[in-house]
N, C-alpha and C. Protein backbone atom coordinates (compact mmCIF):
# COMPACT_ATOMS: atom_id res chain seq x y z
N UNK A 1 -14.09 -15.63 23.35
CA UNK A 1 -13.26 -15.30 22.23
C UNK A 1 -11.89 -14.86 22.77
N UNK A 2 -10.84 -15.41 22.20
CA UNK A 2 -9.48 -15.08 22.61
C UNK A 2 -8.94 -13.98 21.71
N UNK A 3 -8.44 -12.92 22.32
CA UNK A 3 -7.85 -11.84 21.53
C UNK A 3 -6.40 -12.16 21.23
N UNK A 4 -5.98 -11.82 20.03
CA UNK A 4 -4.58 -11.99 19.67
C UNK A 4 -3.79 -10.86 20.28
N UNK A 5 -2.59 -11.16 20.79
CA UNK A 5 -1.79 -10.06 21.33
C UNK A 5 -1.35 -9.13 20.22
N UNK A 6 -1.33 -7.85 20.52
CA UNK A 6 -0.84 -6.88 19.54
C UNK A 6 0.56 -6.47 19.93
N UNK A 7 1.30 -6.01 18.95
CA UNK A 7 2.69 -5.65 19.17
C UNK A 7 2.83 -4.14 19.18
N UNK A 8 3.67 -3.65 20.05
CA UNK A 8 3.97 -2.22 20.09
C UNK A 8 4.85 -1.88 18.89
N UNK A 9 4.53 -0.75 18.25
CA UNK A 9 5.27 -0.35 17.06
C UNK A 9 5.90 1.02 17.28
N UNK A 10 7.21 1.08 17.12
CA UNK A 10 7.94 2.33 17.15
C UNK A 10 8.10 2.77 15.69
N UNK A 11 7.69 3.99 15.36
CA UNK A 11 7.73 4.47 13.97
C UNK A 11 9.10 4.30 13.33
N UNK A 12 10.16 4.42 14.11
CA UNK A 12 11.51 4.28 13.57
C UNK A 12 11.83 2.85 13.16
N UNK A 13 11.06 1.90 13.65
CA UNK A 13 11.29 0.49 13.33
C UNK A 13 10.57 0.04 12.08
N UNK A 14 9.75 0.92 11.47
CA UNK A 14 8.94 0.55 10.31
C UNK A 14 9.73 0.83 9.04
N UNK A 15 9.73 -0.17 8.15
CA UNK A 15 10.44 -0.06 6.88
C UNK A 15 9.58 -0.65 5.77
N UNK A 16 9.57 0.02 4.62
CA UNK A 16 8.89 -0.49 3.43
C UNK A 16 9.96 -0.69 2.36
N UNK A 17 10.00 -1.90 1.81
CA UNK A 17 11.04 -2.26 0.84
C UNK A 17 10.38 -2.86 -0.39
N UNK A 18 10.78 -2.39 -1.57
CA UNK A 18 10.31 -2.98 -2.83
C UNK A 18 11.10 -4.25 -3.09
N UNK A 19 10.38 -5.34 -3.30
CA UNK A 19 10.99 -6.62 -3.64
C UNK A 19 10.48 -7.03 -5.03
N UNK A 20 11.06 -6.47 -6.09
CA UNK A 20 10.53 -6.73 -7.44
C UNK A 20 10.56 -8.20 -7.83
N UNK A 21 11.51 -8.95 -7.31
CA UNK A 21 11.56 -10.39 -7.63
C UNK A 21 10.36 -11.14 -7.06
N UNK A 22 9.69 -10.54 -6.08
CA UNK A 22 8.48 -11.12 -5.48
C UNK A 22 7.23 -10.34 -5.84
N UNK A 23 7.40 -9.27 -6.61
CA UNK A 23 6.30 -8.41 -7.05
C UNK A 23 5.48 -7.86 -5.89
N UNK A 24 6.18 -7.43 -4.85
CA UNK A 24 5.48 -6.74 -3.77
C UNK A 24 6.41 -5.83 -2.99
N UNK A 25 5.76 -4.87 -2.33
CA UNK A 25 6.44 -4.02 -1.37
C UNK A 25 6.22 -4.68 -0.01
N UNK A 26 7.29 -4.93 0.71
CA UNK A 26 7.21 -5.57 2.02
C UNK A 26 7.21 -4.52 3.12
N UNK A 27 6.34 -4.71 4.08
CA UNK A 27 6.29 -3.89 5.29
C UNK A 27 6.98 -4.70 6.38
N UNK A 28 7.98 -4.09 7.01
CA UNK A 28 8.71 -4.75 8.08
C UNK A 28 8.69 -3.87 9.31
N UNK A 29 8.56 -4.50 10.46
CA UNK A 29 8.64 -3.79 11.73
C UNK A 29 9.75 -4.46 12.53
N UNK A 30 10.77 -3.68 12.83
CA UNK A 30 11.95 -4.19 13.53
C UNK A 30 12.51 -5.41 12.80
N UNK A 31 12.49 -5.36 11.46
CA UNK A 31 13.02 -6.45 10.65
C UNK A 31 12.09 -7.63 10.46
N UNK A 32 10.96 -7.61 11.12
CA UNK A 32 10.00 -8.70 11.07
C UNK A 32 8.93 -8.42 10.02
N UNK A 33 8.55 -9.41 9.18
CA UNK A 33 7.49 -9.18 8.20
C UNK A 33 6.19 -8.79 8.90
N UNK A 34 5.55 -7.73 8.38
CA UNK A 34 4.32 -7.24 9.00
C UNK A 34 3.21 -7.01 7.99
N UNK A 35 3.52 -7.06 6.69
CA UNK A 35 2.49 -6.85 5.67
C UNK A 35 3.12 -6.68 4.31
N UNK A 36 2.23 -6.44 3.32
CA UNK A 36 2.75 -6.24 1.96
C UNK A 36 1.67 -5.67 1.05
N UNK A 37 2.14 -5.06 -0.04
CA UNK A 37 1.27 -4.67 -1.14
C UNK A 37 1.80 -5.35 -2.39
N UNK A 38 0.96 -6.19 -2.99
CA UNK A 38 1.33 -6.91 -4.21
C UNK A 38 1.08 -6.04 -5.43
N UNK A 39 1.88 -6.25 -6.47
CA UNK A 39 1.70 -5.48 -7.69
C UNK A 39 2.13 -6.28 -8.91
N UNK A 40 1.65 -5.80 -10.04
CA UNK A 40 2.13 -6.27 -11.35
C UNK A 40 2.68 -5.04 -12.06
N UNK A 41 3.73 -5.23 -12.82
CA UNK A 41 4.27 -4.10 -13.57
C UNK A 41 3.73 -4.12 -14.99
N UNK A 42 3.46 -2.95 -15.48
CA UNK A 42 3.07 -2.72 -16.86
C UNK A 42 3.90 -1.53 -17.32
N UNK A 43 4.06 -1.34 -18.61
CA UNK A 43 4.87 -0.19 -19.06
C UNK A 43 4.37 1.13 -18.44
N UNK A 44 5.24 1.77 -17.68
CA UNK A 44 4.92 3.05 -17.07
C UNK A 44 3.93 3.00 -15.93
N UNK A 45 3.68 1.82 -15.38
CA UNK A 45 2.59 1.68 -14.40
C UNK A 45 2.84 0.55 -13.41
N UNK A 46 2.31 0.74 -12.21
CA UNK A 46 2.20 -0.33 -11.22
C UNK A 46 0.72 -0.64 -11.05
N UNK A 47 0.34 -1.89 -11.22
CA UNK A 47 -1.02 -2.33 -10.96
C UNK A 47 -1.01 -2.90 -9.55
N UNK A 48 -1.63 -2.19 -8.62
CA UNK A 48 -1.63 -2.58 -7.21
C UNK A 48 -2.82 -3.49 -6.95
N UNK A 49 -2.53 -4.75 -6.61
CA UNK A 49 -3.57 -5.78 -6.60
C UNK A 49 -4.06 -6.20 -5.22
N UNK A 50 -3.22 -6.07 -4.20
CA UNK A 50 -3.63 -6.58 -2.88
C UNK A 50 -2.75 -5.96 -1.80
N UNK A 51 -3.35 -5.60 -0.68
CA UNK A 51 -2.61 -5.10 0.48
C UNK A 51 -3.08 -5.84 1.71
N UNK A 52 -2.12 -6.24 2.53
CA UNK A 52 -2.48 -6.88 3.80
C UNK A 52 -1.48 -6.49 4.87
N UNK A 53 -1.97 -6.46 6.11
CA UNK A 53 -1.15 -6.23 7.29
C UNK A 53 -1.43 -7.39 8.23
N UNK A 54 -0.38 -7.96 8.79
CA UNK A 54 -0.53 -9.08 9.71
C UNK A 54 -1.42 -8.70 10.89
N UNK A 55 -2.20 -9.66 11.37
CA UNK A 55 -3.15 -9.41 12.46
C UNK A 55 -2.52 -8.73 13.67
N UNK A 56 -1.33 -9.11 14.05
CA UNK A 56 -0.68 -8.55 15.23
C UNK A 56 -0.33 -7.07 15.08
N UNK A 57 -0.38 -6.56 13.85
CA UNK A 57 -0.05 -5.16 13.59
C UNK A 57 -1.25 -4.36 13.12
N UNK A 58 -2.40 -4.97 13.02
CA UNK A 58 -3.60 -4.29 12.53
C UNK A 58 -4.01 -3.16 13.46
N UNK A 59 -4.63 -2.13 12.87
CA UNK A 59 -5.16 -1.03 13.66
C UNK A 59 -4.13 -0.03 14.15
N UNK A 60 -2.95 -0.05 13.58
CA UNK A 60 -1.88 0.85 14.02
C UNK A 60 -1.45 1.83 12.92
N UNK A 61 -2.24 1.90 11.84
CA UNK A 61 -1.92 2.83 10.77
C UNK A 61 -0.83 2.34 9.83
N UNK A 62 -0.44 1.08 9.97
CA UNK A 62 0.65 0.56 9.15
C UNK A 62 0.22 0.31 7.70
N UNK A 63 -1.04 -0.04 7.49
CA UNK A 63 -1.54 -0.19 6.11
C UNK A 63 -1.46 1.13 5.37
N UNK A 64 -1.86 2.20 6.03
CA UNK A 64 -1.76 3.53 5.41
C UNK A 64 -0.32 3.91 5.15
N UNK A 65 0.54 3.64 6.10
CA UNK A 65 1.96 3.97 5.91
C UNK A 65 2.54 3.19 4.73
N UNK A 66 2.19 1.91 4.64
CA UNK A 66 2.65 1.08 3.54
C UNK A 66 2.19 1.64 2.20
N UNK A 67 0.90 1.90 2.08
CA UNK A 67 0.36 2.40 0.80
C UNK A 67 0.92 3.77 0.47
N UNK A 68 1.05 4.63 1.46
CA UNK A 68 1.63 5.96 1.21
C UNK A 68 3.04 5.82 0.64
N UNK A 69 3.84 4.95 1.19
CA UNK A 69 5.21 4.77 0.70
C UNK A 69 5.23 4.13 -0.69
N UNK A 70 4.31 3.22 -0.95
CA UNK A 70 4.21 2.63 -2.30
C UNK A 70 3.88 3.73 -3.31
N UNK A 71 2.89 4.56 -2.99
CA UNK A 71 2.49 5.63 -3.91
C UNK A 71 3.59 6.68 -4.07
N UNK A 72 4.28 7.00 -2.98
CA UNK A 72 5.40 7.94 -3.09
C UNK A 72 6.50 7.37 -3.98
N UNK A 73 6.75 6.08 -3.87
CA UNK A 73 7.76 5.44 -4.72
C UNK A 73 7.34 5.47 -6.17
N UNK A 74 6.07 5.19 -6.45
CA UNK A 74 5.58 5.26 -7.83
C UNK A 74 5.78 6.67 -8.39
N UNK A 75 5.47 7.69 -7.59
CA UNK A 75 5.64 9.08 -8.03
C UNK A 75 7.12 9.37 -8.31
N UNK A 76 7.99 8.96 -7.41
CA UNK A 76 9.44 9.20 -7.59
C UNK A 76 9.95 8.53 -8.87
N UNK A 77 9.39 7.40 -9.21
CA UNK A 77 9.83 6.66 -10.41
C UNK A 77 9.10 7.11 -11.68
N UNK A 78 8.20 8.07 -11.54
CA UNK A 78 7.46 8.56 -12.70
C UNK A 78 6.43 7.57 -13.22
N UNK A 79 5.91 6.72 -12.33
CA UNK A 79 4.94 5.69 -12.72
C UNK A 79 3.52 6.11 -12.37
N UNK A 80 2.58 5.65 -13.15
CA UNK A 80 1.15 5.77 -12.84
C UNK A 80 0.77 4.53 -12.03
N UNK A 81 -0.40 4.56 -11.41
CA UNK A 81 -0.88 3.39 -10.68
C UNK A 81 -2.29 3.03 -11.12
N UNK A 82 -2.55 1.74 -11.08
CA UNK A 82 -3.89 1.22 -11.29
C UNK A 82 -4.30 0.56 -9.97
N UNK A 83 -5.24 1.15 -9.23
CA UNK A 83 -5.60 0.65 -7.91
C UNK A 83 -6.65 -0.46 -7.96
N UNK A 84 -6.23 -1.67 -8.25
CA UNK A 84 -7.14 -2.82 -8.25
C UNK A 84 -7.45 -3.29 -6.83
N UNK A 85 -6.59 -2.94 -5.90
CA UNK A 85 -6.78 -3.29 -4.49
C UNK A 85 -7.78 -2.30 -3.88
N UNK A 86 -8.86 -2.78 -3.28
CA UNK A 86 -9.84 -1.87 -2.67
C UNK A 86 -9.24 -0.97 -1.58
N UNK A 87 -8.29 -1.48 -0.83
CA UNK A 87 -7.68 -0.66 0.22
C UNK A 87 -6.91 0.51 -0.41
N UNK A 88 -6.15 0.24 -1.46
CA UNK A 88 -5.41 1.30 -2.14
C UNK A 88 -6.37 2.33 -2.75
N UNK A 89 -7.42 1.85 -3.41
CA UNK A 89 -8.41 2.76 -4.00
C UNK A 89 -9.03 3.65 -2.92
N UNK A 90 -9.39 3.06 -1.79
CA UNK A 90 -9.96 3.83 -0.69
C UNK A 90 -8.98 4.83 -0.11
N UNK A 91 -7.71 4.44 -0.02
CA UNK A 91 -6.69 5.35 0.48
C UNK A 91 -6.57 6.56 -0.43
N UNK A 92 -6.51 6.32 -1.74
CA UNK A 92 -6.41 7.44 -2.70
C UNK A 92 -7.66 8.30 -2.65
N UNK A 93 -8.81 7.68 -2.46
CA UNK A 93 -10.07 8.42 -2.35
C UNK A 93 -10.01 9.38 -1.16
N UNK A 94 -9.41 8.95 -0.06
CA UNK A 94 -9.32 9.78 1.15
C UNK A 94 -8.14 10.74 1.12
N UNK A 95 -7.15 10.45 0.28
CA UNK A 95 -5.93 11.27 0.19
C UNK A 95 -5.77 11.71 -1.25
N UNK A 96 -6.53 12.73 -1.62
CA UNK A 96 -6.62 13.16 -3.02
C UNK A 96 -5.30 13.65 -3.60
N UNK A 97 -4.32 13.91 -2.76
CA UNK A 97 -3.02 14.33 -3.27
C UNK A 97 -2.34 13.24 -4.10
N UNK A 98 -2.89 12.02 -4.05
CA UNK A 98 -2.35 10.92 -4.86
C UNK A 98 -3.22 10.63 -6.10
N UNK A 99 -4.33 11.32 -6.24
CA UNK A 99 -5.25 11.05 -7.35
C UNK A 99 -4.60 11.25 -8.72
N UNK A 100 -3.64 12.15 -8.80
CA UNK A 100 -2.98 12.41 -10.09
C UNK A 100 -2.17 11.22 -10.59
N UNK A 101 -1.88 10.27 -9.72
CA UNK A 101 -1.14 9.07 -10.14
C UNK A 101 -2.02 8.11 -10.93
N UNK A 102 -3.34 8.26 -10.78
CA UNK A 102 -4.29 7.36 -11.44
C UNK A 102 -4.75 8.02 -12.74
N UNK A 103 -4.58 7.32 -13.87
CA UNK A 103 -4.97 7.93 -15.14
C UNK A 103 -6.49 7.90 -15.33
N UNK A 104 -6.97 8.64 -16.34
CA UNK A 104 -8.41 8.76 -16.57
C UNK A 104 -9.08 7.42 -16.79
N UNK A 105 -8.39 6.49 -17.42
CA UNK A 105 -8.95 5.16 -17.71
C UNK A 105 -9.33 4.41 -16.43
N UNK A 106 -8.64 4.69 -15.34
CA UNK A 106 -8.88 3.99 -14.07
C UNK A 106 -9.43 4.91 -12.98
N UNK A 107 -9.81 6.11 -13.34
CA UNK A 107 -10.30 7.10 -12.36
C UNK A 107 -11.55 6.61 -11.62
N UNK A 108 -12.40 5.85 -12.27
CA UNK A 108 -13.62 5.38 -11.62
C UNK A 108 -13.32 4.55 -10.38
N UNK A 109 -12.16 3.91 -10.35
CA UNK A 109 -11.81 3.08 -9.20
C UNK A 109 -11.55 3.90 -7.94
N UNK A 110 -11.25 5.18 -8.11
CA UNK A 110 -11.05 6.02 -6.93
C UNK A 110 -12.18 7.01 -6.72
N UNK A 111 -13.01 7.19 -7.75
CA UNK A 111 -14.12 8.13 -7.62
C UNK A 111 -15.40 7.47 -7.12
N UNK A 112 -15.42 6.13 -7.11
CA UNK A 112 -16.60 5.41 -6.64
C UNK A 112 -16.70 5.58 -5.11
N UNK A 113 -17.92 5.64 -4.58
CA UNK A 113 -18.06 5.75 -3.12
C UNK A 113 -17.60 4.47 -2.44
N UNK A 114 -17.18 4.61 -1.17
CA UNK A 114 -16.76 3.43 -0.39
C UNK A 114 -17.88 2.45 -0.20
């Protein structure tokens, strides 16, 4: 089995940018695409549907950094979130400080066991 080379990541090189025209938050490392969280907008809400990190950047905490920044942005904008993405739901389950962003109608998605 051939291992894919992994890339060194300097925290200062990591950037998360909202690209509403593409309906996703882009994760970039040193300007290079490294992952994304897809979403749909609804009145007062972001429905988070999918998160991925490129294989070369996996295992470096970048998925968590991406989701944390997405959730922080939702909070800053006064938006609720619907975590349809299992990774996002699991992140909120482990980081309860974001649970208040999820309304009662969608609470089961973060209260269910992994």
